[in-house]
Amino acid sequence: MTHILLFFEKKSMRSMVLKNLVANRDRNKMTAIIYSLGLGFIIFLNLAQRSQVQIMGLHMMKFHAGYFE
């Protein structure tokens, strides 16, 4: 993957990046997990907020007789 993403770099730079990724594998995993959890939490909050706004809109329509069940 480093050859594809870093095709424009010198071979020594690709080698250094690869060694760095291998040496810090555990830290990289933890960082990826934390990033994924944070992103998932933000998406959850966004969906919950959209749902709440939609529910309030339907409630207001029902309250003002704009929506009949």
Protein backbone atom coordinates (compact mmCIF):
# COMPACT_ATOMS: atom_id res chain seq x y z
CA MET A 1 0.00 0.00 0.00
CA THR A 2 2.87 2.34 0.71
CA HIS A 3 4.15 1.84 -2.85
CA ILE A 4 0.78 2.94 -4.25
CA LEU A 5 0.22 5.90 -1.92
CA LEU A 6 3.82 7.10 -1.87
CA PHE A 7 4.82 6.38 -5.48
CA PHE A 8 6.27 9.87 -5.85
CA GLU A 9 8.65 9.52 -2.86
CA LYS A 10 12.13 8.05 -2.84
CA LYS A 11 12.55 4.40 -1.94
CA SER A 12 14.28 5.37 1.33
CA MET A 13 11.28 7.48 2.39
CA ARG A 14 8.84 4.63 1.63
CA SER A 15 11.03 2.28 3.64
CA MET A 16 11.12 4.67 6.60
CA VAL A 17 7.34 5.12 6.54
CA LEU A 18 6.81 1.36 6.38
CA LYS A 19 9.16 0.76 9.33
CA ASN A 20 7.43 3.49 11.31
CA LEU A 21 4.01 1.92 10.64
CA VAL A 22 5.25 -1.51 11.72
CA ALA A 23 6.97 -0.15 14.86
CA ASN A 24 3.89 1.82 15.96
CA ARG A 25 1.27 -0.77 15.04
CA ASP A 26 -0.33 -0.90 18.51
CA ARG A 27 -0.52 2.89 18.84
CA ASN A 28 -1.95 3.12 15.32
CA LYS A 29 -4.65 0.57 16.21
CA MET A 30 -5.60 2.51 19.33
CA THR A 31 -5.71 5.77 17.40
CA ALA A 32 -7.93 4.19 14.74
CA ILE A 33 -10.29 2.82 17.41
CA ILE A 34 -10.56 6.18 19.17
CA TYR A 35 -11.12 7.97 15.87
CA SER A 36 -13.82 5.47 14.85
CA LEU A 37 -15.60 5.77 18.19
CA GLY A 38 -15.53 9.56 18.01
CA LEU A 39 -16.83 9.59 14.46
CA GLY A 40 -19.55 7.07 15.35
CA PHE A 41 -20.62 9.20 18.30
CA ILE A 42 -20.84 12.32 16.12
CA ILE A 43 -22.93 10.45 13.53
CA PHE A 44 -25.19 9.11 16.29
CA LEU A 45 -25.73 12.60 17.69
CA ASN A 46 -26.52 13.93 14.22
CA LEU A 47 -29.10 11.20 13.56
CA ALA A 48 -30.66 11.62 17.00
CA GLN A 49 -30.96 15.38 16.44
CA ARG A 50 -32.56 14.90 13.01
CA SER A 51 -35.00 12.40 14.45
CA GLN A 52 -35.91 14.75 17.30
CA VAL A 53 -36.50 17.64 14.90
CA GLN A 54 -38.71 15.46 12.71
CA ILE A 55 -40.72 14.25 15.73
CA MET A 56 -41.19 17.83 16.93
CA GLY A 57 -42.35 18.86 13.45
CA LEU A 58 -44.93 16.08 13.36
CA HIS A 59 -46.05 16.97 16.87
CA MET A 60 -46.52 20.61 15.87
CA MET A 61 -48.48 19.60 12.77
CA LYS A 62 -50.73 17.40 14.86
CA PHE A 63 -51.15 20.10 17.51
CA HIS A 64 -52.15 22.70 14.92
CA ALA A 65 -54.50 20.28 13.09
CA GLY A 66 -52.30 20.03 10.04
CA TYR A 67 -51.97 16.28 10.32
CA PHE A 68 -54.83 13.85 10.86
CA GLU A 69 -54.46 10.28 12.05
